[in-house]
Amino acid sequence: MSRRVSATLLLPAFLLVTAAAAPAARAAGGQSLSLVTRLSTFYDDNFLEYSAGQIRDFELGLHPDRYAIETRDDVVLNPSLATTWELDRGRGRRHALYLRGQGHFHAENGKTDFRSVSIGWRESWSRDRRLAFSYYLLPRYYLRQLFDDD
């Protein structure tokens, strides 16, 4: 738990320092490099969207093997970081490369945390001719623990 608390406190500080140190930069030849950081937090009283019957069962402890969470409500921290490099060659010819990462970190229900990363490349020849490749990775995602008694 102490690692989780220290990581939760250090992450916002890191994002603020990174955002202050790397504003959008313009280089020669129509190049640009941008860095966007975001941090949000919210409280959700039913973050897995359980029905009224499931909430009642969870709170009464009727099926303990059905629920792997600690509480049905939680505070969620959402950091994200994105960087984009673009090169404008003129007459509609552009290159772009981007990298994005984000996560959802729960204060009480660490099993439901998730992270994602995406990378992409885009080529533009004119307004209506483009080619794009992207890759998205979501290494672990907790949807719900489903268990059939039968």
N, C-alpha and C. Protein backbone atom coordinates (compact mmCIF):
# COMPACT_ATOMS: atom_id res chain seq x y z
N MET A 1 0.83 -1.20 0.00
CA MET A 1 0.00 0.00 0.00
C MET A 1 0.87 1.26 0.00
N SER A 2 2.05 1.24 0.68
CA SER A 2 2.89 2.44 0.72
C SER A 2 3.46 2.75 -0.65
N ARG A 3 3.79 1.72 -1.45
CA ARG A 3 4.27 1.97 -2.82
C ARG A 3 3.18 2.64 -3.65
N ARG A 4 1.96 2.17 -3.48
CA ARG A 4 0.83 2.73 -4.24
C ARG A 4 0.61 4.19 -3.87
N VAL A 5 0.68 4.53 -2.59
CA VAL A 5 0.47 5.90 -2.16
C VAL A 5 1.60 6.79 -2.68
N SER A 6 2.86 6.33 -2.57
CA SER A 6 3.96 7.16 -3.04
C SER A 6 3.91 7.33 -4.55
N ALA A 7 3.53 6.28 -5.30
CA ALA A 7 3.40 6.41 -6.76
C ALA A 7 2.27 7.37 -7.10
N THR A 8 1.19 7.33 -6.35
CA THR A 8 0.06 8.23 -6.60
C THR A 8 0.46 9.67 -6.35
N LEU A 9 1.31 9.92 -5.36
CA LEU A 9 1.75 11.27 -5.08
C LEU A 9 2.83 11.76 -6.03
N LEU A 10 3.71 10.88 -6.48
CA LEU A 10 4.80 11.27 -7.36
C LEU A 10 4.36 11.48 -8.80
N LEU A 11 3.37 10.75 -9.26
CA LEU A 11 2.94 10.85 -10.65
C LEU A 11 2.46 12.25 -11.02
N PRO A 12 1.58 12.89 -10.22
CA PRO A 12 1.18 14.25 -10.59
C PRO A 12 2.36 15.22 -10.62
N ALA A 13 3.29 15.08 -9.69
CA ALA A 13 4.46 15.95 -9.69
C ALA A 13 5.30 15.76 -10.94
N PHE A 14 5.51 14.52 -11.34
CA PHE A 14 6.25 14.22 -12.56
C PHE A 14 5.58 14.82 -13.78
N LEU A 15 4.27 14.68 -13.88
CA LEU A 15 3.54 15.22 -15.03
C LEU A 15 3.62 16.74 -15.09
N LEU A 16 3.55 17.41 -13.94
CA LEU A 16 3.65 18.86 -13.92
C LEU A 16 5.03 19.34 -14.33
N VAL A 17 6.07 18.68 -13.84
CA VAL A 17 7.44 19.05 -14.21
C VAL A 17 7.67 18.80 -15.69
N THR A 18 7.20 17.67 -16.21
CA THR A 18 7.36 17.36 -17.62
C THR A 18 6.64 18.38 -18.49
N ALA A 19 5.45 18.77 -18.11
CA ALA A 19 4.69 19.74 -18.90
C ALA A 19 5.36 21.11 -18.89
N ALA A 20 5.94 21.49 -17.76
CA ALA A 20 6.61 22.79 -17.67
C ALA A 20 7.93 22.79 -18.45
N ALA A 21 8.61 21.66 -18.47
CA ALA A 21 9.93 21.59 -19.11
C ALA A 21 9.86 21.43 -20.61
N ALA A 22 8.75 20.96 -21.16
CA ALA A 22 8.68 20.67 -22.59
C ALA A 22 7.45 21.29 -23.25
N PRO A 23 7.43 22.61 -23.42
CA PRO A 23 6.31 23.20 -24.15
C PRO A 23 6.42 22.87 -25.63
N ALA A 24 5.36 23.14 -26.37
CA ALA A 24 5.39 22.88 -27.82
C ALA A 24 6.56 23.62 -28.44
N ALA A 25 7.32 22.94 -29.25
CA ALA A 25 8.52 23.52 -29.85
C ALA A 25 8.35 23.60 -31.36
N ARG A 26 8.86 24.68 -31.95
CA ARG A 26 8.87 24.84 -33.40
C ARG A 26 10.32 24.79 -33.86
N ALA A 27 10.58 23.97 -34.84
CA ALA A 27 11.93 23.86 -35.38
C ALA A 27 11.90 24.31 -36.84
N ALA A 28 13.07 24.41 -37.42
CA ALA A 28 13.18 24.83 -38.81
C ALA A 28 12.54 23.79 -39.72
N GLY A 29 12.09 24.21 -40.87
CA GLY A 29 11.56 23.28 -41.86
C GLY A 29 10.16 22.80 -41.59
N GLY A 30 9.36 23.53 -40.85
CA GLY A 30 7.97 23.15 -40.62
C GLY A 30 7.79 22.00 -39.65
N GLN A 31 8.75 21.76 -38.79
CA GLN A 31 8.62 20.68 -37.80
C GLN A 31 7.98 21.22 -36.53
N SER A 32 7.26 20.36 -35.86
CA SER A 32 6.73 20.72 -34.55
C SER A 32 6.77 19.50 -33.65
N LEU A 33 6.97 19.75 -32.38
CA LEU A 33 6.97 18.71 -31.37
C LEU A 33 6.10 19.21 -30.23
N SER A 34 5.11 18.41 -29.86
CA SER A 34 4.23 18.82 -28.77
C SER A 34 4.15 17.72 -27.72
N LEU A 35 3.92 18.15 -26.50
CA LEU A 35 3.76 17.24 -25.37
C LEU A 35 2.53 17.70 -24.61
N VAL A 36 1.60 16.78 -24.41
CA VAL A 36 0.37 17.10 -23.68
C VAL A 36 0.28 16.17 -22.48
N THR A 37 0.07 16.74 -21.32
CA THR A 37 -0.14 15.94 -20.11
C THR A 37 -1.50 16.29 -19.54
N ARG A 38 -2.15 15.30 -18.99
CA ARG A 38 -3.45 15.50 -18.36
C ARG A 38 -3.50 14.69 -17.08
N LEU A 39 -4.20 15.23 -16.13
CA LEU A 39 -4.41 14.51 -14.88
C LEU A 39 -5.81 14.86 -14.38
N SER A 40 -6.60 13.83 -14.18
CA SER A 40 -7.94 14.05 -13.63
C SER A 40 -8.19 13.01 -12.56
N THR A 41 -9.12 13.31 -11.72
CA THR A 41 -9.51 12.38 -10.68
C THR A 41 -11.02 12.53 -10.46
N PHE A 42 -11.65 11.46 -10.06
CA PHE A 42 -13.07 11.51 -9.78
C PHE A 42 -13.45 10.41 -8.81
N TYR A 43 -14.61 10.56 -8.22
CA TYR A 43 -15.18 9.57 -7.31
C TYR A 43 -16.35 8.91 -8.02
N ASP A 44 -16.40 7.58 -7.98
CA ASP A 44 -17.50 6.84 -8.62
C ASP A 44 -18.08 5.90 -7.57
N ASP A 45 -19.38 5.99 -7.33
CA ASP A 45 -20.00 5.15 -6.30
C ASP A 45 -20.41 3.77 -6.83
N ASN A 46 -20.23 3.52 -8.13
CA ASN A 46 -20.54 2.20 -8.70
C ASN A 46 -19.70 2.04 -9.97
N PHE A 47 -18.36 1.96 -9.80
CA PHE A 47 -17.46 2.02 -10.95
C PHE A 47 -17.54 0.81 -11.87
N LEU A 48 -18.07 -0.31 -11.43
CA LEU A 48 -18.25 -1.46 -12.32
C LEU A 48 -19.68 -1.58 -12.83
N GLU A 49 -20.50 -0.60 -12.50
CA GLU A 49 -21.87 -0.51 -12.97
C GLU A 49 -22.70 -1.75 -12.64
N TYR A 50 -22.64 -2.13 -11.37
CA TYR A 50 -23.43 -3.26 -10.90
C TYR A 50 -24.91 -2.89 -10.84
N SER A 51 -25.76 -3.88 -11.02
CA SER A 51 -27.21 -3.67 -10.89
C SER A 51 -27.55 -3.57 -9.41
N ALA A 52 -28.78 -3.18 -9.12
CA ALA A 52 -29.22 -3.07 -7.73
C ALA A 52 -29.13 -4.42 -7.02
N GLY A 53 -29.47 -5.51 -7.71
CA GLY A 53 -29.37 -6.84 -7.11
C GLY A 53 -27.93 -7.25 -6.83
N GLN A 54 -27.03 -6.93 -7.74
CA GLN A 54 -25.61 -7.25 -7.53
C GLN A 54 -25.05 -6.43 -6.38
N ILE A 55 -25.44 -5.18 -6.27
CA ILE A 55 -24.97 -4.34 -5.16
C ILE A 55 -25.47 -4.92 -3.84
N ARG A 56 -26.73 -5.32 -3.79
CA ARG A 56 -27.28 -5.91 -2.57
C ARG A 56 -26.51 -7.18 -2.20
N ASP A 57 -26.27 -8.08 -3.17
CA ASP A 57 -25.51 -9.31 -2.91
C ASP A 57 -24.11 -9.00 -2.43
N PHE A 58 -23.45 -8.02 -3.04
CA PHE A 58 -22.08 -7.66 -2.65
C PHE A 58 -22.05 -7.12 -1.22
N GLU A 59 -22.96 -6.20 -0.92
CA GLU A 59 -22.97 -5.60 0.42
C GLU A 59 -23.35 -6.60 1.51
N LEU A 60 -24.21 -7.59 1.19
CA LEU A 60 -24.58 -8.61 2.18
C LEU A 60 -23.58 -9.75 2.24
N GLY A 61 -22.64 -9.79 1.29
CA GLY A 61 -21.63 -10.85 1.27
C GLY A 61 -22.19 -12.20 0.89
N LEU A 62 -23.25 -12.23 0.07
CA LEU A 62 -23.92 -13.49 -0.26
C LEU A 62 -23.09 -14.40 -1.16
N HIS A 63 -22.33 -13.87 -2.07
CA HIS A 63 -21.51 -14.67 -3.00
C HIS A 63 -20.08 -14.11 -3.00
N PRO A 64 -19.29 -14.39 -1.98
CA PRO A 64 -17.96 -13.77 -1.89
C PRO A 64 -17.02 -14.16 -3.03
N ASP A 65 -17.20 -15.35 -3.62
CA ASP A 65 -16.32 -15.76 -4.72
C ASP A 65 -16.69 -15.09 -6.03
N ARG A 66 -17.78 -14.38 -6.07
CA ARG A 66 -18.23 -13.70 -7.29
C ARG A 66 -17.62 -12.31 -7.45
N TYR A 67 -17.16 -11.72 -6.35
CA TYR A 67 -16.66 -10.34 -6.39
C TYR A 67 -15.22 -10.29 -5.92
N ALA A 68 -14.33 -9.80 -6.78
CA ALA A 68 -12.91 -9.70 -6.45
C ALA A 68 -12.52 -8.28 -6.05
N ILE A 69 -13.49 -7.41 -5.86
CA ILE A 69 -13.20 -6.03 -5.50
C ILE A 69 -13.35 -5.84 -4.00
N GLU A 70 -12.76 -4.77 -3.49
CA GLU A 70 -12.83 -4.47 -2.05
C GLU A 70 -14.09 -3.67 -1.72
N THR A 71 -14.38 -2.67 -2.55
CA THR A 71 -15.54 -1.82 -2.36
C THR A 71 -16.18 -1.57 -3.72
N ARG A 72 -17.45 -1.19 -3.74
CA ARG A 72 -18.11 -0.91 -5.02
C ARG A 72 -17.91 0.54 -5.44
N ASP A 73 -17.40 1.38 -4.55
CA ASP A 73 -17.10 2.77 -4.88
C ASP A 73 -15.60 3.01 -4.74
N ASP A 74 -15.10 4.02 -5.43
CA ASP A 74 -13.66 4.27 -5.39
C ASP A 74 -13.34 5.65 -5.96
N VAL A 75 -12.17 6.13 -5.59
CA VAL A 75 -11.59 7.34 -6.18
C VAL A 75 -10.64 6.86 -7.28
N VAL A 76 -10.76 7.47 -8.46
CA VAL A 76 -9.98 7.05 -9.62
C VAL A 76 -9.09 8.20 -10.06
N LEU A 77 -7.80 7.90 -10.29
CA LEU A 77 -6.83 8.86 -10.80
C LEU A 77 -6.54 8.51 -12.26
N ASN A 78 -6.65 9.50 -13.16
CA ASN A 78 -6.46 9.28 -14.59
C ASN A 78 -5.34 10.17 -15.14
N PRO A 79 -4.09 9.69 -15.16
CA PRO A 79 -3.04 10.45 -15.81
C PRO A 79 -2.92 10.05 -17.28
N SER A 80 -2.48 10.98 -18.13
CA SER A 80 -2.20 10.65 -19.52
C SER A 80 -1.06 11.54 -20.02
N LEU A 81 -0.34 11.01 -20.99
CA LEU A 81 0.80 11.69 -21.57
C LEU A 81 0.79 11.41 -23.06
N ALA A 82 0.95 12.44 -23.88
CA ALA A 82 0.96 12.26 -25.34
C ALA A 82 2.01 13.17 -25.95
N THR A 83 2.73 12.66 -26.90
CA THR A 83 3.70 13.47 -27.64
C THR A 83 3.49 13.23 -29.14
N THR A 84 3.61 14.31 -29.91
CA THR A 84 3.40 14.24 -31.35
C THR A 84 4.51 15.01 -32.05
N TRP A 85 5.10 14.41 -33.07
CA TRP A 85 6.07 15.09 -33.94
C TRP A 85 5.46 15.18 -35.32
N GLU A 86 5.48 16.38 -35.89
CA GLU A 86 4.93 16.59 -37.23
C GLU A 86 5.95 17.32 -38.10
N LEU A 87 5.96 16.96 -39.36
CA LEU A 87 6.81 17.60 -40.35
C LEU A 87 5.95 17.99 -41.54
N ASP A 88 5.85 19.29 -41.80
CA ASP A 88 5.07 19.80 -42.93
C ASP A 88 6.03 20.08 -44.08
N ARG A 89 5.90 19.33 -45.17
CA ARG A 89 6.79 19.47 -46.31
C ARG A 89 6.23 20.43 -47.37
N GLY A 90 5.06 20.98 -47.12
CA GLY A 90 4.45 21.91 -48.07
C GLY A 90 3.55 21.20 -49.06
N ARG A 91 2.64 21.93 -49.67
CA ARG A 91 1.69 21.44 -50.67
C ARG A 91 0.91 20.21 -50.19
N GLY A 92 0.56 20.17 -48.92
CA GLY A 92 -0.25 19.08 -48.39
C GLY A 92 0.53 17.87 -47.93
N ARG A 93 1.81 17.82 -48.17
CA ARG A 93 2.66 16.66 -47.78
C ARG A 93 3.07 16.81 -46.32
N ARG A 94 2.62 15.87 -45.48
CA ARG A 94 2.92 15.92 -44.04
C ARG A 94 3.25 14.53 -43.52
N HIS A 95 4.10 14.49 -42.52
CA HIS A 95 4.41 13.27 -41.77
C HIS A 95 4.06 13.55 -40.31
N ALA A 96 3.56 12.55 -39.62
CA ALA A 96 3.26 12.70 -38.19
C ALA A 96 3.52 11.37 -37.49
N LEU A 97 4.09 11.46 -36.31
CA LEU A 97 4.36 10.30 -35.45
C LEU A 97 3.90 10.67 -34.05
N TYR A 98 3.12 9.78 -33.43
CA TYR A 98 2.64 10.10 -32.08
C TYR A 98 2.78 8.88 -31.16
N LEU A 99 2.86 9.18 -29.88
CA LEU A 99 2.93 8.18 -28.82
C LEU A 99 2.06 8.68 -27.68
N ARG A 100 1.17 7.80 -27.19
CA ARG A 100 0.26 8.17 -26.10
C ARG A 100 0.22 7.07 -25.05
N GLY A 101 0.09 7.47 -23.82
CA GLY A 101 -0.08 6.52 -22.73
C GLY A 101 -1.04 7.09 -21.70
N GLN A 102 -1.83 6.23 -21.10
CA GLN A 102 -2.75 6.68 -20.07
C GLN A 102 -3.06 5.54 -19.11
N GLY A 103 -3.70 5.86 -18.03
CA GLY A 103 -4.06 4.83 -17.06
C GLY A 103 -5.22 5.27 -16.19
N HIS A 104 -5.81 4.30 -15.54
CA HIS A 104 -6.86 4.53 -14.55
C HIS A 104 -6.40 3.78 -13.30
N PHE A 105 -6.17 4.49 -12.23
CA PHE A 105 -5.66 3.90 -11.01
C PHE A 105 -6.65 4.13 -9.88
N HIS A 106 -7.11 3.04 -9.28
CA HIS A 106 -8.13 3.08 -8.23
C HIS A 106 -7.46 3.08 -6.86
N ALA A 107 -7.97 3.88 -5.95
CA ALA A 107 -7.39 4.00 -4.61
C ALA A 107 -7.57 2.71 -3.80
N GLU A 108 -8.72 2.07 -3.86
CA GLU A 108 -9.02 0.90 -3.03
C GLU A 108 -9.01 -0.42 -3.80
N ASN A 109 -9.26 -0.38 -5.07
CA ASN A 109 -9.42 -1.61 -5.87
C ASN A 109 -8.33 -1.72 -6.92
N GLY A 110 -7.12 -2.02 -6.47
CA GLY A 110 -5.97 -2.11 -7.37
C GLY A 110 -6.12 -3.13 -8.47
N LYS A 111 -6.93 -4.15 -8.26
CA LYS A 111 -7.13 -5.18 -9.31
C LYS A 111 -7.78 -4.61 -10.55
N THR A 112 -8.48 -3.51 -10.42
CA THR A 112 -9.20 -2.94 -11.56
C THR A 112 -8.42 -1.84 -12.28
N ASP A 113 -7.17 -1.58 -11.87
CA ASP A 113 -6.34 -0.60 -12.56
C ASP A 113 -6.06 -1.07 -13.98
N PHE A 114 -5.86 -0.12 -14.88
CA PHE A 114 -5.40 -0.49 -16.21
C PHE A 114 -4.57 0.63 -16.82
N ARG A 115 -3.74 0.23 -17.77
CA ARG A 115 -2.86 1.13 -18.49
C ARG A 115 -3.01 0.85 -19.97
N SER A 116 -2.76 1.85 -20.80
CA SER A 116 -2.78 1.63 -22.25
C SER A 116 -1.72 2.50 -22.90
N VAL A 117 -1.22 2.02 -24.03
CA VAL A 117 -0.21 2.73 -24.81
C VAL A 117 -0.61 2.61 -26.28
N SER A 118 -0.44 3.70 -27.02
CA SER A 118 -0.68 3.65 -28.46
C SER A 118 0.43 4.42 -29.18
N ILE A 119 0.73 3.94 -30.36
CA ILE A 119 1.73 4.59 -31.20
C ILE A 119 1.15 4.63 -32.61
N GLY A 120 1.46 5.68 -33.32
CA GLY A 120 0.90 5.80 -34.66
C GLY A 120 1.77 6.61 -35.59
N TRP A 121 1.55 6.41 -36.88
CA TRP A 121 2.25 7.12 -37.94
C TRP A 121 1.22 7.49 -38.99
N ARG A 122 1.31 8.72 -39.49
CA ARG A 122 0.35 9.18 -40.50
C ARG A 122 1.10 9.93 -41.60
N GLU A 123 0.77 9.61 -42.84
CA GLU A 123 1.31 10.30 -44.01
C GLU A 123 0.15 10.98 -44.72
N SER A 124 0.35 12.21 -45.13
CA SER A 124 -0.67 12.94 -45.89
C SER A 124 -0.02 13.48 -47.16
N TRP A 125 -0.71 13.28 -48.28
CA TRP A 125 -0.22 13.78 -49.57
C TRP A 125 -1.02 14.97 -50.03
N SER A 126 -2.27 15.01 -49.68
CA SER A 126 -3.15 16.14 -49.98
C SER A 126 -4.30 16.06 -48.99
N ARG A 127 -5.29 16.92 -49.15
CA ARG A 127 -6.40 16.92 -48.20
C ARG A 127 -7.16 15.60 -48.16
N ASP A 128 -7.25 14.91 -49.29
CA ASP A 128 -8.06 13.69 -49.31
C ASP A 128 -7.26 12.42 -49.54
N ARG A 129 -5.95 12.46 -49.46
CA ARG A 129 -5.14 11.23 -49.59
C ARG A 129 -4.24 11.10 -48.37
N ARG A 130 -4.57 10.09 -47.55
CA ARG A 130 -3.82 9.86 -46.31
C ARG A 130 -3.62 8.37 -46.09
N LEU A 131 -2.57 8.05 -45.36
CA LEU A 131 -2.30 6.68 -44.96
C LEU A 131 -1.88 6.72 -43.49
N ALA A 132 -2.47 5.85 -42.67
CA ALA A 132 -2.16 5.85 -41.24
C ALA A 132 -2.02 4.43 -40.74
N PHE A 133 -1.07 4.24 -39.85
CA PHE A 133 -0.88 2.98 -39.14
C PHE A 133 -0.85 3.30 -37.65
N SER A 134 -1.47 2.42 -36.87
CA SER A 134 -1.43 2.62 -35.43
C SER A 134 -1.45 1.27 -34.73
N TYR A 135 -0.97 1.29 -33.49
CA TYR A 135 -0.94 0.10 -32.66
C TYR A 135 -1.40 0.52 -31.27
N TYR A 136 -2.30 -0.26 -30.69
CA TYR A 136 -2.85 0.04 -29.37
C TYR A 136 -2.63 -1.18 -28.48
N LEU A 137 -2.12 -0.96 -27.29
CA LEU A 137 -1.84 -2.05 -26.35
C LEU A 137 -2.54 -1.77 -25.04
N LEU A 138 -3.35 -2.72 -24.62
CA LEU A 138 -4.04 -2.69 -23.33
C LEU A 138 -3.66 -3.98 -22.63
N PRO A 139 -2.55 -3.97 -21.87
CA PRO A 139 -2.00 -5.23 -21.36
C PRO A 139 -2.88 -6.01 -20.40
N ARG A 140 -3.65 -5.31 -19.59
CA ARG A 140 -4.49 -6.01 -18.62
C ARG A 140 -5.71 -5.15 -18.34
N TYR A 141 -6.87 -5.74 -18.40
CA TYR A 141 -8.09 -4.97 -18.20
C TYR A 141 -9.09 -5.81 -17.41
N TYR A 142 -9.55 -5.29 -16.30
CA TYR A 142 -10.52 -5.99 -15.46
C TYR A 142 -11.90 -5.47 -15.82
N LEU A 143 -12.72 -6.33 -16.36
CA LEU A 143 -14.08 -5.92 -16.69
C LEU A 143 -15.02 -6.24 -15.53
N ARG A 144 -15.16 -7.49 -15.25
CA ARG A 144 -15.92 -7.98 -14.10
C ARG A 144 -15.49 -9.40 -13.85
N GLN A 145 -15.62 -9.82 -12.64
CA GLN A 145 -15.36 -11.23 -12.36
C GLN A 145 -16.69 -11.96 -12.50
N LEU A 146 -16.75 -12.82 -13.48
CA LEU A 146 -17.98 -13.59 -13.73
C LEU A 146 -17.77 -15.02 -13.28
N PHE A 147 -18.71 -15.54 -12.54
CA PHE A 147 -18.59 -16.89 -12.02
C PHE A 147 -19.98 -17.52 -12.05
N ASP A 148 -20.07 -18.69 -12.63
CA ASP A 148 -21.34 -19.41 -12.71
C ASP A 148 -21.34 -20.50 -11.64
N ASP A 149 -22.31 -20.47 -10.73
CA ASP A 149 -22.38 -21.45 -9.65
C ASP A 149 -22.59 -22.86 -10.17
N ASP A 150 -23.21 -23.01 -11.34
CA ASP A 150 -23.46 -24.34 -11.89
C ASP A 150 -22.22 -24.86 -12.53
